[in-house]
N, C-alpha and C. Protein backbone atom coordinates (compact mmCIF):
# COMPACT_ATOMS: atom_id res chain seq x y z
N MET A 1 21.25 -1.62 -6.86
CA MET A 1 21.07 -2.93 -6.30
C MET A 1 21.12 -4.00 -7.40
N ALA A 2 20.69 -3.63 -8.61
CA ALA A 2 20.69 -4.60 -9.70
C ALA A 2 22.11 -5.04 -10.06
N ASP A 3 23.09 -4.14 -9.87
CA ASP A 3 24.46 -4.52 -10.17
C ASP A 3 24.99 -5.54 -9.18
N LYS A 4 24.36 -5.67 -8.03
CA LYS A 4 24.74 -6.69 -7.05
C LYS A 4 23.99 -8.00 -7.27
N ILE A 5 22.83 -7.94 -7.92
CA ILE A 5 22.00 -9.14 -8.09
C ILE A 5 22.33 -9.88 -9.38
N ILE A 6 22.50 -9.16 -10.49
CA ILE A 6 22.55 -9.80 -11.81
C ILE A 6 23.76 -10.74 -12.00
N PRO A 7 25.01 -10.34 -11.71
CA PRO A 7 26.13 -11.28 -11.96
C PRO A 7 26.03 -12.61 -11.20
N PRO A 8 25.76 -12.59 -9.89
CA PRO A 8 25.63 -13.91 -9.24
C PRO A 8 24.37 -14.66 -9.68
N ALA A 9 23.31 -13.92 -10.04
CA ALA A 9 22.09 -14.58 -10.49
C ALA A 9 22.33 -15.33 -11.79
N LEU A 10 23.11 -14.75 -12.70
CA LEU A 10 23.42 -15.45 -13.95
C LEU A 10 24.24 -16.70 -13.72
N ARG A 11 25.22 -16.61 -12.81
CA ARG A 11 26.04 -17.79 -12.51
C ARG A 11 25.20 -18.89 -11.88
N ILE A 12 24.35 -18.53 -10.93
CA ILE A 12 23.51 -19.51 -10.26
C ILE A 12 22.50 -20.10 -11.25
N TRP A 13 21.97 -19.27 -12.14
CA TRP A 13 21.02 -19.74 -13.14
C TRP A 13 21.67 -20.80 -14.04
N LEU A 14 22.89 -20.54 -14.48
CA LEU A 14 23.57 -21.51 -15.34
C LEU A 14 23.83 -22.83 -14.62
N VAL A 15 24.23 -22.75 -13.37
CA VAL A 15 24.48 -23.97 -12.59
C VAL A 15 23.20 -24.78 -12.47
N PHE A 16 22.10 -24.12 -12.08
CA PHE A 16 20.84 -24.85 -11.93
C PHE A 16 20.30 -25.33 -13.27
N LEU A 17 20.51 -24.57 -14.33
CA LEU A 17 20.08 -25.00 -15.66
C LEU A 17 20.74 -26.32 -16.03
N PHE A 18 22.05 -26.40 -15.87
CA PHE A 18 22.75 -27.64 -16.21
C PHE A 18 22.41 -28.77 -15.26
N LEU A 19 22.20 -28.46 -13.99
CA LEU A 19 21.80 -29.51 -13.05
C LEU A 19 20.44 -30.10 -13.40
N PHE A 20 19.48 -29.25 -13.74
CA PHE A 20 18.17 -29.75 -14.11
C PHE A 20 18.24 -30.55 -15.42
N LEU A 21 19.08 -30.11 -16.35
CA LEU A 21 19.24 -30.88 -17.59
C LEU A 21 19.88 -32.24 -17.32
N LEU A 22 20.87 -32.28 -16.43
CA LEU A 22 21.49 -33.55 -16.07
C LEU A 22 20.54 -34.49 -15.34
N LEU A 23 19.58 -33.91 -14.60
CA LEU A 23 18.61 -34.73 -13.89
C LEU A 23 17.50 -35.24 -14.81
N GLY A 24 17.47 -34.80 -16.06
CA GLY A 24 16.52 -35.33 -17.01
C GLY A 24 15.30 -34.46 -17.26
N TYR A 25 15.30 -33.23 -16.77
CA TYR A 25 14.18 -32.33 -17.05
C TYR A 25 14.25 -31.86 -18.51
N GLU A 26 13.12 -31.44 -19.04
CA GLU A 26 13.08 -30.87 -20.38
C GLU A 26 13.77 -29.50 -20.37
N VAL A 27 13.98 -28.93 -21.56
CA VAL A 27 14.73 -27.67 -21.68
C VAL A 27 13.96 -26.49 -21.08
N VAL A 28 12.68 -26.37 -21.42
CA VAL A 28 11.90 -25.20 -20.96
C VAL A 28 11.75 -25.18 -19.43
N PRO A 29 11.35 -26.29 -18.79
CA PRO A 29 11.28 -26.25 -17.31
C PRO A 29 12.65 -26.01 -16.67
N SER A 30 13.71 -26.52 -17.30
CA SER A 30 15.05 -26.30 -16.75
C SER A 30 15.41 -24.81 -16.80
N ILE A 31 15.06 -24.16 -17.89
CA ILE A 31 15.34 -22.72 -18.01
C ILE A 31 14.53 -21.94 -16.98
N LEU A 32 13.24 -22.25 -16.84
CA LEU A 32 12.39 -21.51 -15.90
C LEU A 32 12.79 -21.76 -14.44
N LEU A 33 12.99 -23.02 -14.09
CA LEU A 33 13.39 -23.32 -12.70
C LEU A 33 14.78 -22.76 -12.39
N GLY A 34 15.67 -22.81 -13.37
CA GLY A 34 17.00 -22.22 -13.17
C GLY A 34 16.93 -20.71 -13.00
N ALA A 35 16.02 -20.06 -13.76
CA ALA A 35 15.87 -18.60 -13.63
C ALA A 35 15.31 -18.23 -12.26
N ILE A 36 14.35 -19.02 -11.78
CA ILE A 36 13.80 -18.75 -10.44
C ILE A 36 14.88 -18.92 -9.38
N ALA A 37 15.64 -20.01 -9.49
CA ALA A 37 16.72 -20.25 -8.52
C ALA A 37 17.80 -19.17 -8.63
N GLY A 38 18.10 -18.74 -9.84
CA GLY A 38 19.12 -17.70 -10.02
C GLY A 38 18.70 -16.37 -9.43
N PHE A 39 17.43 -16.00 -9.65
CA PHE A 39 16.95 -14.74 -9.09
C PHE A 39 16.96 -14.79 -7.56
N ALA A 40 16.49 -15.92 -7.00
CA ALA A 40 16.47 -16.05 -5.54
C ALA A 40 17.88 -16.04 -4.98
N GLY A 41 18.78 -16.77 -5.60
CA GLY A 41 20.17 -16.80 -5.13
C GLY A 41 20.86 -15.46 -5.28
N GLY A 42 20.60 -14.76 -6.39
CA GLY A 42 21.20 -13.44 -6.58
C GLY A 42 20.69 -12.43 -5.56
N THR A 43 19.40 -12.52 -5.23
CA THR A 43 18.83 -11.62 -4.22
C THR A 43 19.44 -11.89 -2.85
N ILE A 44 19.58 -13.15 -2.50
CA ILE A 44 20.19 -13.49 -1.21
C ILE A 44 21.64 -13.06 -1.18
N HIS A 45 22.36 -13.24 -2.27
CA HIS A 45 23.76 -12.81 -2.33
C HIS A 45 23.88 -11.29 -2.17
N ALA A 46 23.01 -10.54 -2.84
CA ALA A 46 23.05 -9.08 -2.72
C ALA A 46 22.74 -8.64 -1.30
N TRP A 47 21.78 -9.31 -0.66
CA TRP A 47 21.45 -8.97 0.73
C TRP A 47 22.64 -9.28 1.63
N TRP A 48 23.32 -10.39 1.37
CA TRP A 48 24.41 -10.83 2.23
C TRP A 48 25.59 -9.87 2.18
N ILE A 49 25.90 -9.32 1.01
CA ILE A 49 27.08 -8.46 0.89
C ILE A 49 26.77 -6.99 1.15
N THR A 50 25.51 -6.62 1.29
CA THR A 50 25.16 -5.23 1.56
C THR A 50 25.49 -4.91 3.01
N PRO A 51 26.28 -3.85 3.24
CA PRO A 51 26.65 -3.54 4.62
C PRO A 51 25.45 -3.06 5.42
N GLY A 52 25.41 -3.48 6.62
CA GLY A 52 24.36 -3.07 7.54
C GLY A 52 25.02 -2.77 8.87
N GLY A 53 24.26 -2.77 9.89
CA GLY A 53 24.86 -2.58 11.19
C GLY A 53 23.88 -1.99 12.17
N GLU A 54 24.41 -1.69 13.28
CA GLU A 54 23.61 -1.13 14.35
C GLU A 54 23.28 0.32 14.04
N PRO A 55 22.04 0.73 14.27
CA PRO A 55 21.68 2.12 14.02
C PRO A 55 22.51 3.06 14.90
N THR A 56 22.88 4.20 14.33
CA THR A 56 23.72 5.13 15.08
C THR A 56 22.90 6.13 15.89
N THR A 57 21.65 6.31 15.56
CA THR A 57 20.82 7.25 16.30
C THR A 57 19.79 6.48 17.13
N THR A 58 19.43 7.06 18.25
CA THR A 58 18.41 6.45 19.08
C THR A 58 17.08 7.14 18.80
N LEU A 59 16.03 6.38 18.90
CA LEU A 59 14.70 6.90 18.65
C LEU A 59 14.17 7.54 19.93
N GLU A 60 13.79 8.79 19.84
CA GLU A 60 13.24 9.51 20.98
C GLU A 60 11.73 9.53 20.86
N LEU A 61 11.07 9.07 21.91
CA LEU A 61 9.61 9.05 21.90
C LEU A 61 9.04 10.45 22.08
N PRO A 62 7.88 10.72 21.48
CA PRO A 62 7.24 12.02 21.70
C PRO A 62 6.85 12.18 23.18
N ALA A 63 6.69 13.43 23.61
CA ALA A 63 6.42 13.73 25.02
C ALA A 63 5.14 13.06 25.53
N PRO A 64 4.03 13.04 24.79
CA PRO A 64 2.84 12.37 25.33
C PRO A 64 3.05 10.88 25.58
N LEU A 65 3.85 10.24 24.75
CA LEU A 65 4.10 8.82 24.96
C LEU A 65 5.05 8.58 26.12
N ARG A 66 5.99 9.49 26.35
CA ARG A 66 6.90 9.34 27.48
C ARG A 66 6.18 9.50 28.80
N GLN A 67 5.08 10.25 28.81
CA GLN A 67 4.36 10.50 30.06
C GLN A 67 3.46 9.33 30.44
N LEU A 68 3.17 8.44 29.51
CA LEU A 68 2.32 7.30 29.83
C LEU A 68 3.05 6.33 30.75
N ASN A 69 2.35 5.84 31.71
CA ASN A 69 2.90 4.84 32.62
C ASN A 69 2.41 3.48 32.16
N PRO A 70 3.31 2.56 31.76
CA PRO A 70 2.86 1.29 31.24
C PRO A 70 2.11 0.45 32.28
N ARG A 71 2.32 0.68 33.54
CA ARG A 71 1.62 -0.08 34.56
C ARG A 71 0.15 0.29 34.65
N ARG A 72 -0.19 1.49 34.19
CA ARG A 72 -1.58 1.94 34.27
C ARG A 72 -2.38 1.57 33.03
N LEU A 73 -1.70 1.17 31.97
CA LEU A 73 -2.40 0.79 30.75
C LEU A 73 -2.98 -0.61 30.90
N PRO A 74 -4.11 -0.89 30.23
CA PRO A 74 -4.62 -2.26 30.28
C PRO A 74 -3.64 -3.21 29.59
N LEU A 75 -3.34 -4.29 30.24
CA LEU A 75 -2.37 -5.27 29.77
C LEU A 75 -0.98 -4.65 29.59
N GLY A 76 -0.67 -3.63 30.35
CA GLY A 76 0.61 -2.94 30.20
C GLY A 76 1.80 -3.81 30.50
N ASN A 77 1.73 -4.66 31.49
CA ASN A 77 2.85 -5.52 31.84
C ASN A 77 2.68 -6.94 31.34
N PHE A 78 1.63 -7.20 30.60
CA PHE A 78 1.36 -8.56 30.16
C PHE A 78 2.41 -9.05 29.17
N PHE A 79 2.88 -8.18 28.28
CA PHE A 79 3.80 -8.58 27.24
C PHE A 79 5.26 -8.29 27.58
N ARG A 80 5.57 -7.82 28.75
CA ARG A 80 6.95 -7.51 29.12
C ARG A 80 7.59 -8.73 29.75
N ARG A 81 8.83 -8.99 29.38
CA ARG A 81 9.56 -10.13 29.93
C ARG A 81 10.34 -9.73 31.18
N GLY A 82 10.93 -8.58 31.13
CA GLY A 82 11.76 -8.15 32.25
C GLY A 82 11.69 -6.65 32.40
N ARG A 83 12.55 -6.12 33.21
CA ARG A 83 12.54 -4.69 33.47
C ARG A 83 13.47 -3.92 32.53
N THR A 84 14.29 -4.59 31.75
CA THR A 84 15.23 -3.90 30.88
C THR A 84 14.59 -3.60 29.54
N GLN A 85 15.03 -2.53 28.93
CA GLN A 85 14.53 -2.15 27.62
C GLN A 85 15.25 -2.97 26.56
N ARG A 86 14.49 -3.54 25.62
CA ARG A 86 15.09 -4.37 24.57
C ARG A 86 15.40 -3.51 23.36
N LEU A 87 16.63 -3.63 22.87
CA LEU A 87 17.05 -2.87 21.70
C LEU A 87 17.28 -3.85 20.55
N PRO A 88 17.06 -3.42 19.31
CA PRO A 88 17.30 -4.33 18.18
C PRO A 88 18.78 -4.62 18.04
N ARG A 89 19.08 -5.85 17.63
CA ARG A 89 20.47 -6.26 17.44
C ARG A 89 20.92 -5.92 16.03
N ALA A 90 22.22 -5.84 15.84
CA ALA A 90 22.79 -5.53 14.53
C ALA A 90 22.67 -6.75 13.63
N ARG A 91 22.43 -6.49 12.35
CA ARG A 91 22.38 -7.55 11.36
C ARG A 91 23.79 -7.88 10.94
N ARG A 92 24.09 -9.16 10.86
CA ARG A 92 25.46 -9.56 10.48
C ARG A 92 25.47 -10.22 9.15
């Protein structure tokens, strides 16, 4: 994962370093704020390019949980919106 974070983080750090210097900040705060921005930007970039997607396997509930009737549980239907089962969406 570090090989996905470090190159864009260095580029972003340099951009923010020069921007803070152009805005009139001192050298040390510019370096520190640029490093924070570079690390955050590199992490977001690595997350963005990492492939994800919809899970290929379905989760099977254990037998004791399948036997429970949600209508008989206290507040069983309180948090349900509809009758359909909600599945997680794929990350894009």
